[in-house]
C-alpha atoms as a PDB file:
ATOM      1  CA  MET A   1      -0.073   0.037  -0.502  1.00  0.00           C
ATOM      2  CA  LYS A   2       2.699   2.487   0.482  1.00  0.00           C
ATOM      3  CA  LYS A   3       4.381   1.759  -2.656  1.00  0.00           C
ATOM      4  CA  ILE A   4       1.146   2.951  -4.423  1.00  0.00           C
ATOM      5  CA  VAL A   5       0.605   5.886  -2.742  1.00  0.00           C
ATOM      6  CA  ILE A   6       4.192   6.544  -2.857  1.00  0.00           C
ATOM      7  CA  LEU A   7       3.475   5.563  -6.761  1.00  0.00           C
ATOM      8  CA  CYS A   8       0.921   8.171  -7.161  1.00  0.00           C
ATOM      9  CA  GLY A   9       2.522  11.111  -5.390  1.00  0.00           C
ATOM     10  CA  VAL A  10       5.681  11.243  -7.771  1.00  0.00           C
ATOM     11  CA  LEU A  11       3.110  10.655 -11.001  1.00  0.00           C
ATOM     12  CA  ALA A  12       1.213  13.665 -10.022  1.00  0.00           C
ATOM     13  CA  LEU A  13       4.002  15.434  -9.316  1.00  0.00           C
ATOM     14  CA  ALA A  14       5.193  14.310 -12.800  1.00  0.00           C
ATOM     15  CA  LEU A  15       2.106  15.515 -14.289  1.00  0.00           C
ATOM     16  CA  LEU A  16       2.253  19.158 -12.708  1.00  0.00           C
ATOM     17  CA  SER A  17       5.472  19.808 -13.188  1.00  0.00           C
ATOM     18  CA  GLY A  18       5.687  19.114 -17.315  1.00  0.00           C
ATOM     19  CA  CYS A  19       4.455  21.942 -18.435  1.00  0.00           C
ATOM     20  CA  SER A  20       5.160  24.202 -20.676  1.00  0.00           C
ATOM     21  CA  THR A  21       5.893  27.940 -19.450  1.00  0.00           C
ATOM     22  CA  VAL A  22       5.353  30.932 -21.563  1.00  0.00           C
ATOM     23  CA  GLU A  23       6.746  34.441 -19.747  1.00  0.00           C
ATOM     24  CA  SER A  24       6.458  37.628 -20.808  1.00  0.00           C
ATOM     25  CA  THR A  25       6.930  41.151 -19.710  1.00  0.00           C
ATOM     26  CA  GLN A  26       5.903  45.320 -21.476  1.00  0.00           C
ATOM     27  CA  LYS A  27       8.223  46.469 -17.678  1.00  0.00           C
ATOM     28  CA  PHE A  28      11.963  47.765 -18.937  1.00  0.00           C
ATOM     29  CA  ASN A  29      11.393  50.368 -16.455  1.00  0.00           C
ATOM     30  CA  ALA A  30      12.855  53.677 -18.853  1.00  0.00           C
ATOM     31  CA  MET A  31      15.629  51.287 -20.520  1.00  0.00           C
ATOM     32  CA  GLY A  32      16.286  50.868 -23.601  1.00  0.00           C
ATOM     33  CA  LEU A  33      16.239  47.100 -24.539  1.00  0.00           C
ATOM     34  CA  GLY A  34      15.568  47.160 -28.892  1.00  0.00           C
ATOM     35  CA  THR A  35      18.318  48.331 -30.669  1.00  0.00           C
ATOM     36  CA  PRO A  36      18.555  52.585 -32.418  1.00  0.00           C
ATOM     37  CA  ARG A  37      15.982  51.649 -35.933  1.00  0.00           C
ATOM     38  CA  GLU A  38      12.724  49.457 -33.521  1.00  0.00           C
ATOM     39  CA  LYS A  39      11.909  50.120 -29.792  1.00  0.00           C
ATOM     40  CA  ALA A  40      11.464  46.416 -26.911  1.00  0.00           C
ATOM     41  CA  VAL A  41       7.913  45.222 -26.708  1.00  0.00           C
ATOM     42  CA  CYS A  42       8.502  42.532 -24.461  1.00  0.00           C
ATOM     43  CA  GLN A  43      10.886  40.764 -22.707  1.00  0.00           C
ATOM     44  CA  THR A  44       9.693  36.462 -23.429  1.00  0.00           C
ATOM     45  CA  TYR A  45      10.382  33.689 -21.466  1.00  0.00           C
ATOM     46  CA  VAL A  46       9.901  30.312 -22.107  1.00  0.00           C
ATOM     47  CA  GLU A  47      10.790  26.470 -21.023  1.00  0.00           C
ATOM     48  CA  ILE A  48       9.852  23.046 -21.364  1.00  0.00           C
ATOM     49  CA  PRO A  49      10.598  20.208 -19.628  1.00  0.00           C
ATOM     50  CA  GLY A  50      10.383  17.217 -19.777  1.00  0.00           C
ATOM     51  CA  PHE A  51      10.443  13.676 -18.152  1.00  0.00           C
ATOM     52  CA  PHE A  52      11.953  10.296 -19.738  1.00  0.00           C
ATOM     53  CA  ILE A  53      13.016   6.607 -18.782  1.00  0.00           C
ATOM     54  CA  PHE A  54      15.411   5.135 -20.944  1.00  0.00           C
ATOM     55  CA  GLY A  55      15.752   8.275 -23.430  1.00  0.00           C
ATOM     56  CA  LEU A  56      12.328   7.657 -23.761  1.00  0.00           C
ATOM     57  CA  PRO A  57       9.538  11.181 -23.247  1.00  0.00           C
ATOM     58  CA  ILE A  58       7.193  10.041 -20.872  1.00  0.00           C
ATOM     59  CA  ILE A  59       4.813  13.352 -19.977  1.00  0.00           C
ATOM     60  CA  VAL A  60       6.969  16.418 -22.314  1.00  0.00           C
ATOM     61  CA  GLY A  61       6.213  20.392 -22.062  1.00  0.00           C
ATOM     62  CA  SER A  62       3.476  21.182 -25.160  1.00  0.00           C
ATOM     63  CA  PRO A  63       4.125  23.550 -27.942  1.00  0.00           C
ATOM     64  CA  LYS A  64       0.301  24.802 -28.126  1.00  0.00           C
ATOM     65  CA  GLY A  65       0.772  26.717 -25.054  1.00  0.00           C
ATOM     66  CA  ASP A  66       1.500  28.268 -21.538  1.00  0.00           C
ATOM     67  CA  ASN A  67       0.343  25.153 -18.900  1.00  0.00           C
ATOM     68  CA  GLU A  68      -0.353  22.611 -21.220  1.00  0.00           C
ATOM     69  CA  TRP A  69       2.038  18.706 -22.152  1.00  0.00           C
ATOM     70  CA  THR A  70       1.600  15.709 -23.671  1.00  0.00           C
ATOM     71  CA  ALA A  71       2.229  12.038 -22.697  1.00  0.00           C
ATOM     72  CA  PHE A  72       4.740   9.856 -25.198  1.00  0.00           C
ATOM     73  CA  GLN A  73       5.493  12.704 -26.928  1.00  0.00           C
ATOM     74  CA  TRP A  74       8.775  14.078 -28.043  1.00  0.00           C
ATOM     75  CA  THR A  75       7.895  18.118 -28.306  1.00  0.00           C
ATOM     76  CA  LEU A  76      11.865  19.094 -26.594  1.00  0.00           C
ATOM     77  CA  ASN A  77      13.527  21.057 -29.102  1.00  0.00           C
ATOM     78  CA  ASN A  78      14.711  24.009 -30.168  1.00  0.00           C
ATOM     79  CA  GLU A  79      11.533  24.372 -33.726  1.00  0.00           C
ATOM     80  CA  ASN A  80       9.505  24.188 -30.784  1.00  0.00           C
ATOM     81  CA  ALA A  81      11.192  27.121 -28.074  1.00  0.00           C
ATOM     82  CA  VAL A  82      10.851  29.243 -30.749  1.00  0.00           C
ATOM     83  CA  TYR A  83       7.614  28.854 -31.807  1.00  0.00           C
ATOM     84  CA  MET A  84       6.471  29.253 -29.032  1.00  0.00           C
ATOM     85  CA  LEU A  85       8.803  32.280 -28.744  1.00  0.00           C
ATOM     86  CA  THR A  86       7.622  34.158 -31.844  1.00  0.00           C
ATOM     87  CA  LYS A  87       4.044  33.569 -31.634  1.00  0.00           C
ATOM     88  CA  GLU A  88       3.888  34.406 -28.019  1.00  0.00           C
ATOM     89  CA  ALA A  89       5.999  37.761 -29.092  1.00  0.00           C
ATOM     90  CA  LYS A  90       4.055  38.551 -31.806  1.00  0.00           C
ATOM     91  CA  SER A  91       0.488  38.726 -29.159  1.00  0.00           C
ATOM     92  CA  LYS A  92       2.768  41.187 -27.268  1.00  0.00           C
ATOM     93  CA  GLY A  93       3.124  43.713 -30.919  1.00  0.00           C
ATOM     94  CA  ALA A  94       6.746  42.851 -31.947  1.00  0.00           C
ATOM     95  CA  ALA A  95       7.688  42.357 -35.367  1.00  0.00           C
ATOM     96  CA  ARG A  96      10.825  40.392 -35.292  1.00  0.00           C
ATOM     97  CA  VAL A  97      12.650  39.100 -32.295  1.00  0.00           C
ATOM     98  CA  ILE A  98      16.354  40.179 -31.949  1.00  0.00           C
ATOM     99  CA  ASN A  99      19.301  38.487 -28.542  1.00  0.00           C
ATOM    100  CA  VAL A 100      17.253  34.179 -29.425  1.00  0.00           C
ATOM    101  CA  THR A 101      19.138  32.490 -26.956  1.00  0.00           C
ATOM    102  CA  VAL A 102      18.265  28.494 -26.306  1.00  0.00           C
ATOM    103  CA  SER A 103      19.393  26.789 -23.371  1.00  0.00           C
ATOM    104  CA  ARG A 104      19.227  22.984 -22.880  1.00  0.00           C
ATOM    105  CA  THR A 105      20.066  21.469 -19.592  1.00  0.00           C
ATOM    106  CA  HIS A 106      19.888  17.588 -18.807  1.00  0.00           C
ATOM    107  CA  ASP A 107      19.200  16.073 -15.150  1.00  0.00           C
ATOM    108  CA  THR A 108      19.980  12.171 -14.842  1.00  0.00           C
ATOM    109  CA  TRP A 109      18.163  10.796 -11.898  1.00  0.00           C
ATOM    110  CA  LEU A 110      18.283   7.065  -9.826  1.00  0.00           C
ATOM    111  CA  LEU A 111      21.049   5.851 -12.508  1.00  0.00           C
ATOM    112  CA  PRO A 112      20.477   5.632 -16.274  1.00  0.00           C
ATOM    113  CA  PHE A 113      16.927   5.489 -16.362  1.00  0.00           C
ATOM    114  CA  PHE A 114      15.046   8.408 -15.349  1.00  0.00           C
ATOM    115  CA  SER A 115      16.118  11.709 -17.293  1.00  0.00           C
ATOM    116  CA  TYR A 116      14.776  14.866 -15.918  1.00  0.00           C
ATOM    117  CA  GLN A 117      15.316  17.309 -19.260  1.00  0.00           C
ATOM    118  CA  THR A 118      14.055  21.561 -20.352  1.00  0.00           C
ATOM    119  CA  ILE A 119      14.556  23.649 -23.195  1.00  0.00           C
ATOM    120  CA  GLN A 120      14.599  27.110 -22.299  1.00  0.00           C
ATOM    121  CA  ALA A 121      14.386  29.892 -25.293  1.00  0.00           C
ATOM    122  CA  SER A 122      14.180  33.997 -24.625  1.00  0.00           C
ATOM    123  CA  GLY A 123      14.337  37.318 -26.482  1.00  0.00           C
ATOM    124  CA  VAL A 124      13.652  40.426 -26.920  1.00  0.00           C
ATOM    125  CA  GLY A 125      10.560  41.195 -29.150  1.00  0.00           C
ATOM    126  CA  VAL A 126      10.860  44.146 -31.104  1.00  0.00           C
ATOM    127  CA  ARG A 127       9.107  46.298 -33.922  1.00  0.00           C
ATOM    128  CA  THR A 128       9.694  49.403 -35.931  1.00  0.00           C
ATOM    129  CA  LYS A 129       7.949  52.693 -35.641  1.00  0.00           C
ATOM    130  CA  GLY A 130       6.851  52.405 -39.291  1.00  0.00           C
ATOM    131  CA  ALA A 131       4.989  49.423 -37.532  1.00  0.00           C
ATOM    132  CA  ALA A 132       3.795  50.930 -34.902  1.00  0.00           C
ATOM    133  CA  VAL A 133       2.628  53.476 -36.968  1.00  0.00           C
ATOM    134  CA  ASP A 134       0.595  50.759 -39.036  1.00  0.00           C
ATOM    135  CA  ARG A 135      -0.655  49.165 -36.563  1.00  0.00           C
ATOM    136  CA  ALA A 136      -2.167  51.913 -34.614  1.00  0.00           C
ATOM    137  CA  ALA A 137      -4.210  52.740 -37.613  1.00  0.00           C
ATOM    138  CA  ARG A 138      -5.300  49.892 -38.468  1.00  0.00           C
ATOM    139  CA  GLN A 139      -6.975  49.596 -34.749  1.00  0.00           C
ATOM    140  CA  TRP A 140      -7.995  53.484 -35.647  1.00  0.00           C
ATOM    141  CA  ASP A 141      -9.695  51.830 -38.933  1.00  0.00           C
ATOM    142  CA  ALA A 142     -11.248  49.033 -37.145  1.00  0.00           C
ATOM    143  CA  ALA A 143     -13.504  51.625 -34.298  1.00  0.00           C
ATOM    144  CA  PRO A 144     -16.666  52.572 -34.743  1.00  0.00           C
END
């Protein structure tokens, strides 16, 4: 009975911590994070974690969005991390993302059988003055 309770606890913890994370901020304390011709719109951070047994995925974060996960699918790659990063930056009004950094971590638990891996991506979403003016004009035209 003790083993079943411990196993259920471990599975519940794995399910809760195997979710993708997307965080974004638009507060820069009046510091310029963009380039001379572009203004920073957001700083975005993405993390996709995964639990593996013998190198095969058990529970992995999903690229579909924040707090999503998948079972038995390999979604822990650069393409999905950058996709989530650019999707979030675009939703904040960025025209492009600069200073993109992608990193991967790997921790082995209980000999080489179980492992925990994460892939993280971050970048600064920027837009030009022309893009901001075009967006404002479209919003003005759409207003009643």
